[in-house]
Amino acid sequence: MAISPGPFLTPASDRDLGDNQAARDAITSKTLLKRFGQPHELAELAAFIASDRASYITGVNYAVDGGASAW
């Protein structure tokens, strides 16, 4: 199994983007939800995949990208 995250707002991305609103808008404009993901939105999927409740799931790539791959 794999998780393919899209743009997430983390301390590192926040630092790198700084106050550059144009860069932030360029990134979020490429997602259907028009926003950055939050770390907890990815962590919950990772916790599920690591749990016994996902023991019968195989060969799946979860795109957690706010709809960017839907284009």
PDB file of N, CA and C in Angstrom:
ATOM      1  N   MET A   1       0.837  -1.174   0.000  1.00  0.00           N
ATOM      2  CA  MET A   1       0.000   0.000   0.000  1.00  0.00           C
ATOM      3  C   MET A   1       0.879   1.234   0.000  1.00  0.00           C
ATOM      4  N   ALA A   2       0.327   2.281  -0.543  1.00  0.00           N
ATOM      5  CA  ALA A   2       1.072   3.535  -0.588  1.00  0.00           C
ATOM      6  C   ALA A   2       0.126   4.706  -0.379  1.00  0.00           C
ATOM      7  N   ILE A   3       0.669   5.775   0.159  1.00  0.00           N
ATOM      8  CA  ILE A   3      -0.056   7.038   0.286  1.00  0.00           C
ATOM      9  C   ILE A   3       0.683   8.054  -0.555  1.00  0.00           C
ATOM     10  N   SER A   4      -0.028   8.695  -1.469  1.00  0.00           N
ATOM     11  CA  SER A   4       0.561   9.737  -2.317  1.00  0.00           C
ATOM     12  C   SER A   4      -0.055  11.078  -1.936  1.00  0.00           C
ATOM     13  N   PRO A   5       0.626  11.818  -1.066  1.00  0.00           N
ATOM     14  CA  PRO A   5       0.061  13.086  -0.621  1.00  0.00           C
ATOM     15  C   PRO A   5       0.242  14.188  -1.657  1.00  0.00           C
ATOM     16  N   GLY A   6      -0.705  15.078  -1.664  1.00  0.00           N
ATOM     17  CA  GLY A   6      -0.605  16.293  -2.474  1.00  0.00           C
ATOM     18  C   GLY A   6      -0.018  17.398  -1.621  1.00  0.00           C
ATOM     19  N   PRO A   7      -0.435  18.630  -1.860  1.00  0.00           N
ATOM     20  CA  PRO A   7       0.121  19.742  -1.086  1.00  0.00           C
ATOM     21  C   PRO A   7      -0.437  19.784   0.337  1.00  0.00           C
ATOM     22  N   PHE A   8       0.454  19.662   1.288  1.00  0.00           N
ATOM     23  CA  PHE A   8       0.095  19.725   2.702  1.00  0.00           C
ATOM     24  C   PHE A   8       0.825  20.890   3.347  1.00  0.00           C
ATOM     25  N   LEU A   9       0.136  21.560   4.247  1.00  0.00           N
ATOM     26  CA  LEU A   9       0.738  22.671   4.969  1.00  0.00           C
ATOM     27  C   LEU A   9       1.374  22.130   6.241  1.00  0.00           C
ATOM     28  N   THR A  10       2.683  22.105   6.226  1.00  0.00           N
ATOM     29  CA  THR A  10       3.467  21.626   7.358  1.00  0.00           C
ATOM     30  C   THR A  10       4.384  22.768   7.790  1.00  0.00           C
ATOM     31  N   PRO A  11       5.052  22.634   8.914  1.00  0.00           N
ATOM     32  CA  PRO A  11       6.002  23.690   9.291  1.00  0.00           C
ATOM     33  C   PRO A  11       7.049  23.942   8.199  1.00  0.00           C
ATOM     34  N   ALA A  12       7.507  22.891   7.522  1.00  0.00           N
ATOM     35  CA  ALA A  12       8.520  23.067   6.472  1.00  0.00           C
ATOM     36  C   ALA A  12       7.952  23.797   5.256  1.00  0.00           C
ATOM     37  N   SER A  13       6.752  23.398   4.807  1.00  0.00           N
ATOM     38  CA  SER A  13       6.179  24.082   3.639  1.00  0.00           C
ATOM     39  C   SER A  13       5.787  25.511   3.993  1.00  0.00           C
ATOM     40  N   ASP A  14       5.303  25.718   5.195  1.00  0.00           N
ATOM     41  CA  ASP A  14       4.956  27.066   5.637  1.00  0.00           C
ATOM     42  C   ASP A  14       6.204  27.952   5.664  1.00  0.00           C
ATOM     43  N   ARG A  15       7.311  27.408   6.134  1.00  0.00           N
ATOM     44  CA  ARG A  15       8.575  28.150   6.155  1.00  0.00           C
ATOM     45  C   ARG A  15       9.037  28.459   4.737  1.00  0.00           C
ATOM     46  N   ASP A  16       8.981  27.469   3.860  1.00  0.00           N
ATOM     47  CA  ASP A  16       9.465  27.660   2.495  1.00  0.00           C
ATOM     48  C   ASP A  16       8.601  28.641   1.703  1.00  0.00           C
ATOM     49  N   LEU A  17       7.303  28.611   1.916  1.00  0.00           N
ATOM     50  CA  LEU A  17       6.411  29.510   1.183  1.00  0.00           C
ATOM     51  C   LEU A  17       6.374  30.907   1.790  1.00  0.00           C
ATOM     52  N   GLY A  18       6.603  30.988   3.098  1.00  0.00           N
ATOM     53  CA  GLY A  18       6.616  32.281   3.773  1.00  0.00           C
ATOM     54  C   GLY A  18       5.357  33.081   3.480  1.00  0.00           C
ATOM     55  N   ASP A  19       5.536  34.351   3.170  1.00  0.00           N
ATOM     56  CA  ASP A  19       4.414  35.247   2.876  1.00  0.00           C
ATOM     57  C   ASP A  19       4.090  35.307   1.387  1.00  0.00           C
ATOM     58  N   ASN A  20       4.622  34.392   0.610  1.00  0.00           N
ATOM     59  CA  ASN A  20       4.423  34.415  -0.843  1.00  0.00           C
ATOM     60  C   ASN A  20       3.033  33.874  -1.186  1.00  0.00           C
ATOM     61  N   GLN A  21       2.052  34.762  -1.138  1.00  0.00           N
ATOM     62  CA  GLN A  21       0.672  34.349  -1.382  1.00  0.00           C
ATOM     63  C   GLN A  21       0.462  33.873  -2.818  1.00  0.00           C
ATOM     64  N   ALA A  22       1.204  34.439  -3.751  1.00  0.00           N
ATOM     65  CA  ALA A  22       1.080  34.005  -5.149  1.00  0.00           C
ATOM     66  C   ALA A  22       1.491  32.541  -5.291  1.00  0.00           C
ATOM     67  N   ALA A  23       2.554  32.140  -4.616  1.00  0.00           N
ATOM     68  CA  ALA A  23       3.002  30.745  -4.667  1.00  0.00           C
ATOM     69  C   ALA A  23       1.974  29.833  -3.998  1.00  0.00           C
ATOM     70  N   ARG A  24       1.439  30.262  -2.881  1.00  0.00           N
ATOM     71  CA  ARG A  24       0.417  29.473  -2.191  1.00  0.00           C
ATOM     72  C   ARG A  24      -0.811  29.293  -3.084  1.00  0.00           C
ATOM     73  N   ASP A  25      -1.239  30.382  -3.715  1.00  0.00           N
ATOM     74  CA  ASP A  25      -2.412  30.318  -4.595  1.00  0.00           C
ATOM     75  C   ASP A  25      -2.153  29.438  -5.816  1.00  0.00           C
ATOM     76  N   ALA A  26      -0.933  29.489  -6.349  1.00  0.00           N
ATOM     77  CA  ALA A  26      -0.597  28.656  -7.507  1.00  0.00           C
ATOM     78  C   ALA A  26      -0.678  27.178  -7.153  1.00  0.00           C
ATOM     79  N   ILE A  27      -0.277  26.838  -5.949  1.00  0.00           N
ATOM     80  CA  ILE A  27      -0.320  25.442  -5.514  1.00  0.00           C
ATOM     81  C   ILE A  27      -1.756  25.001  -5.270  1.00  0.00           C
ATOM     82  N   THR A  28      -2.514  25.782  -4.518  1.00  0.00           N
ATOM     83  CA  THR A  28      -3.874  25.357  -4.179  1.00  0.00           C
ATOM     84  C   THR A  28      -4.827  25.443  -5.366  1.00  0.00           C
ATOM     85  N   SER A  29      -4.492  26.228  -6.365  1.00  0.00           N
ATOM     86  CA  SER A  29      -5.366  26.305  -7.545  1.00  0.00           C
ATOM     87  C   SER A  29      -5.370  25.001  -8.334  1.00  0.00           C
ATOM     88  N   LYS A  30      -4.415  24.142  -8.053  1.00  0.00           N
ATOM     89  CA  LYS A  30      -4.319  22.862  -8.760  1.00  0.00           C
ATOM     90  C   LYS A  30      -5.040  21.735  -8.027  1.00  0.00           C
ATOM     91  N   THR A  31      -5.793  22.076  -6.988  1.00  0.00           N
ATOM     92  CA  THR A  31      -6.580  21.075  -6.277  1.00  0.00           C
ATOM     93  C   THR A  31      -8.061  21.441  -6.377  1.00  0.00           C
ATOM     94  N   LEU A  32      -8.916  20.435  -6.357  1.00  0.00           N
ATOM     95  CA  LEU A  32     -10.351  20.695  -6.406  1.00  0.00           C
ATOM     96  C   LEU A  32     -10.858  21.363  -5.133  1.00  0.00           C
ATOM     97  N   LEU A  33     -10.227  21.089  -4.005  1.00  0.00           N
ATOM     98  CA  LEU A  33     -10.662  21.673  -2.742  1.00  0.00           C
ATOM     99  C   LEU A  33     -10.106  23.072  -2.515  1.00  0.00           C
ATOM    100  N   LYS A  34      -9.155  23.499  -3.325  1.00  0.00           N
ATOM    101  CA  LYS A  34      -8.590  24.853  -3.283  1.00  0.00           C
ATOM    102  C   LYS A  34      -7.994  25.210  -1.925  1.00  0.00           C
ATOM    103  N   ARG A  35      -7.344  24.234  -1.325  1.00  0.00           N
ATOM    104  CA  ARG A  35      -6.671  24.479  -0.047  1.00  0.00           C
ATOM    105  C   ARG A  35      -5.571  23.452   0.152  1.00  0.00           C
ATOM    106  N   PHE A  36      -4.713  23.730   1.113  1.00  0.00           N
ATOM    107  CA  PHE A  36      -3.698  22.771   1.525  1.00  0.00           C
ATOM    108  C   PHE A  36      -4.325  21.734   2.444  1.00  0.00           C
ATOM    109  N   GLY A  37      -3.777  20.537   2.405  1.00  0.00           N
ATOM    110  CA  GLY A  37      -4.181  19.530   3.373  1.00  0.00           C
ATOM    111  C   GLY A  37      -3.541  19.824   4.714  1.00  0.00           C
ATOM    112  N   GLN A  38      -4.159  19.315   5.752  1.00  0.00           N
ATOM    113  CA  GLN A  38      -3.620  19.445   7.105  1.00  0.00           C
ATOM    114  C   GLN A  38      -3.037  18.097   7.516  1.00  0.00           C
ATOM    115  N   PRO A  39      -1.932  18.099   8.243  1.00  0.00           N
ATOM    116  CA  PRO A  39      -1.277  16.834   8.596  1.00  0.00           C
ATOM    117  C   PRO A  39      -2.204  15.786   9.202  1.00  0.00           C
ATOM    118  N   HIS A  40      -3.172  16.190  10.012  1.00  0.00           N
ATOM    119  CA  HIS A  40      -4.056  15.191  10.629  1.00  0.00           C
ATOM    120  C   HIS A  40      -4.896  14.461   9.577  1.00  0.00           C
ATOM    121  N   GLU A  41      -5.132  15.095   8.424  1.00  0.00           N
ATOM    122  CA  GLU A  41      -5.918  14.444   7.378  1.00  0.00           C
ATOM    123  C   GLU A  41      -5.149  13.291   6.733  1.00  0.00           C
ATOM    124  N   LEU A  42      -3.864  13.346   6.767  1.00  0.00           N
ATOM    125  CA  LEU A  42      -3.012  12.270   6.255  1.00  0.00           C
ATOM    126  C   LEU A  42      -2.726  11.241   7.347  1.00  0.00           C
ATOM    127  N   ALA A  43      -2.531  11.709   8.554  1.00  0.00           N
ATOM    128  CA  ALA A  43      -2.171  10.825   9.665  1.00  0.00           C
ATOM    129  C   ALA A  43      -3.266   9.808   9.960  1.00  0.00           C
ATOM    130  N   GLU A  44      -4.517  10.211   9.831  1.00  0.00           N
ATOM    131  CA  GLU A  44      -5.610   9.283  10.119  1.00  0.00           C
ATOM    132  C   GLU A  44      -5.639   8.123   9.132  1.00  0.00           C
ATOM    133  N   LEU A  45      -5.349   8.405   7.860  1.00  0.00           N
ATOM    134  CA  LEU A  45      -5.278   7.328   6.875  1.00  0.00           C
ATOM    135  C   LEU A  45      -4.083   6.422   7.165  1.00  0.00           C
ATOM    136  N   ALA A  46      -2.951   7.012   7.491  1.00  0.00           N
ATOM    137  CA  ALA A  46      -1.751   6.218   7.787  1.00  0.00           C
ATOM    138  C   ALA A  46      -1.991   5.310   8.989  1.00  0.00           C
ATOM    139  N   ALA A  47      -2.660   5.824  10.008  1.00  0.00           N
ATOM    140  CA  ALA A  47      -2.948   5.009  11.191  1.00  0.00           C
ATOM    141  C   ALA A  47      -3.878   3.853  10.830  1.00  0.00           C
ATOM    142  N   PHE A  48      -4.860   4.112   9.980  1.00  0.00           N
ATOM    143  CA  PHE A  48      -5.762   3.043   9.558  1.00  0.00           C
ATOM    144  C   PHE A  48      -5.006   1.972   8.773  1.00  0.00           C
ATOM    145  N   ILE A  49      -4.192   2.398   7.814  1.00  0.00           N
ATOM    146  CA  ILE A  49      -3.442   1.437   7.000  1.00  0.00           C
ATOM    147  C   ILE A  49      -2.512   0.584   7.855  1.00  0.00           C
ATOM    148  N   ALA A  50      -1.969   1.168   8.904  1.00  0.00           N
ATOM    149  CA  ALA A  50      -1.052   0.433   9.778  1.00  0.00           C
ATOM    150  C   ALA A  50      -1.782  -0.472  10.764  1.00  0.00           C
ATOM    151  N   SER A  51      -3.092  -0.333  10.839  1.00  0.00           N
ATOM    152  CA  SER A  51      -3.846  -1.103  11.824  1.00  0.00           C
ATOM    153  C   SER A  51      -4.271  -2.470  11.275  1.00  0.00           C
ATOM    154  N   ASP A  52      -4.705  -3.306  12.169  1.00  0.00           N
ATOM    155  CA  ASP A  52      -5.217  -4.623  11.781  1.00  0.00           C
ATOM    156  C   ASP A  52      -6.510  -4.521  10.986  1.00  0.00           C
ATOM    157  N   ARG A  53      -7.224  -3.405  11.096  1.00  0.00           N
ATOM    158  CA  ARG A  53      -8.478  -3.241  10.356  1.00  0.00           C
ATOM    159  C   ARG A  53      -8.242  -3.187   8.848  1.00  0.00           C
ATOM    160  N   ALA A  54      -7.014  -2.916   8.424  1.00  0.00           N
ATOM    161  CA  ALA A  54      -6.696  -2.855   7.004  1.00  0.00           C
ATOM    162  C   ALA A  54      -5.959  -4.111   6.533  1.00  0.00           C
ATOM    163  N   SER A  55      -6.085  -5.177   7.271  1.00  0.00           N
ATOM    164  CA  SER A  55      -5.294  -6.379   6.997  1.00  0.00           C
ATOM    165  C   SER A  55      -5.623  -7.053   5.665  1.00  0.00           C
ATOM    166  N   TYR A  56      -6.764  -6.739   5.056  1.00  0.00           N
ATOM    167  CA  TYR A  56      -7.128  -7.381   3.791  1.00  0.00           C
ATOM    168  C   TYR A  56      -6.976  -6.439   2.605  1.00  0.00           C
ATOM    169  N   ILE A  57      -6.416  -5.279   2.838  1.00  0.00           N
ATOM    170  CA  ILE A  57      -6.199  -4.299   1.766  1.00  0.00           C
ATOM    171  C   ILE A  57      -4.786  -4.495   1.223  1.00  0.00           C
ATOM    172  N   THR A  58      -4.678  -4.662  -0.087  1.00  0.00           N
ATOM    173  CA  THR A  58      -3.373  -4.832  -0.715  1.00  0.00           C
ATOM    174  C   THR A  58      -3.320  -4.059  -2.028  1.00  0.00           C
ATOM    175  N   GLY A  59      -2.132  -3.677  -2.434  1.00  0.00           N
ATOM    176  CA  GLY A  59      -1.906  -3.117  -3.763  1.00  0.00           C
ATOM    177  C   GLY A  59      -2.658  -1.840  -4.075  1.00  0.00           C
ATOM    178  N   VAL A  60      -2.859  -0.989  -3.093  1.00  0.00           N
ATOM    179  CA  VAL A  60      -3.640   0.235  -3.297  1.00  0.00           C
ATOM    180  C   VAL A  60      -2.745   1.447  -3.095  1.00  0.00           C
ATOM    181  N   ASN A  61      -2.949   2.449  -3.937  1.00  0.00           N
ATOM    182  CA  ASN A  61      -2.287   3.736  -3.756  1.00  0.00           C
ATOM    183  C   ASN A  61      -3.368   4.750  -3.412  1.00  0.00           C
ATOM    184  N   TYR A  62      -3.309   5.303  -2.231  1.00  0.00           N
ATOM    185  CA  TYR A  62      -4.278   6.299  -1.804  1.00  0.00           C
ATOM    186  C   TYR A  62      -3.755   7.694  -2.136  1.00  0.00           C
ATOM    187  N   ALA A  63      -4.439   8.366  -3.036  1.00  0.00           N
ATOM    188  CA  ALA A  63      -4.080   9.752  -3.366  1.00  0.00           C
ATOM    189  C   ALA A  63      -4.803  10.657  -2.389  1.00  0.00           C
ATOM    190  N   VAL A  64      -4.052  11.304  -1.536  1.00  0.00           N
ATOM    191  CA  VAL A  64      -4.601  12.244  -0.547  1.00  0.00           C
ATOM    192  C   VAL A  64      -4.130  13.618  -1.002  1.00  0.00           C
ATOM    193  N   ASP A  65      -4.831  14.154  -1.984  1.00  0.00           N
ATOM    194  CA  ASP A  65      -4.309  15.341  -2.682  1.00  0.00           C
ATOM    195  C   ASP A  65      -5.342  16.424  -2.926  1.00  0.00           C
ATOM    196  N   GLY A  66      -6.445  16.385  -2.193  1.00  0.00           N
ATOM    197  CA  GLY A  66      -7.453  17.414  -2.356  1.00  0.00           C
ATOM    198  C   GLY A  66      -8.082  17.465  -3.729  1.00  0.00           C
ATOM    199  N   GLY A  67      -7.971  16.388  -4.466  1.00  0.00           N
ATOM    200  CA  GLY A  67      -8.563  16.317  -5.789  1.00  0.00           C
ATOM    201  C   GLY A  67      -7.620  16.691  -6.926  1.00  0.00           C
ATOM    202  N   ALA A  68      -6.351  16.882  -6.652  1.00  0.00           N
ATOM    203  CA  ALA A  68      -5.400  17.270  -7.707  1.00  0.00           C
ATOM    204  C   ALA A  68      -5.293  16.200  -8.779  1.00  0.00           C
ATOM    205  N   SER A  69      -5.374  14.934  -8.388  1.00  0.00           N
ATOM    206  CA  SER A  69      -5.236  13.870  -9.386  1.00  0.00           C
ATOM    207  C   SER A  69      -6.531  13.620 -10.155  1.00  0.00           C
ATOM    208  N   ALA A  70      -7.594  14.319  -9.797  1.00  0.00           N
ATOM    209  CA  ALA A  70      -8.871  14.146 -10.493  1.00  0.00           C
ATOM    210  C   ALA A  70      -8.951  14.932 -11.799  1.00  0.00           C
ATOM    211  N   TRP A  71      -8.010  15.816 -12.028  1.00  0.00           N
ATOM    212  CA  TRP A  71      -8.033  16.634 -13.243  1.00  0.00           C
ATOM    213  C   TRP A  71      -7.886  15.746 -14.409  1.00  0.00           C
TER     214      TRP A  71
END
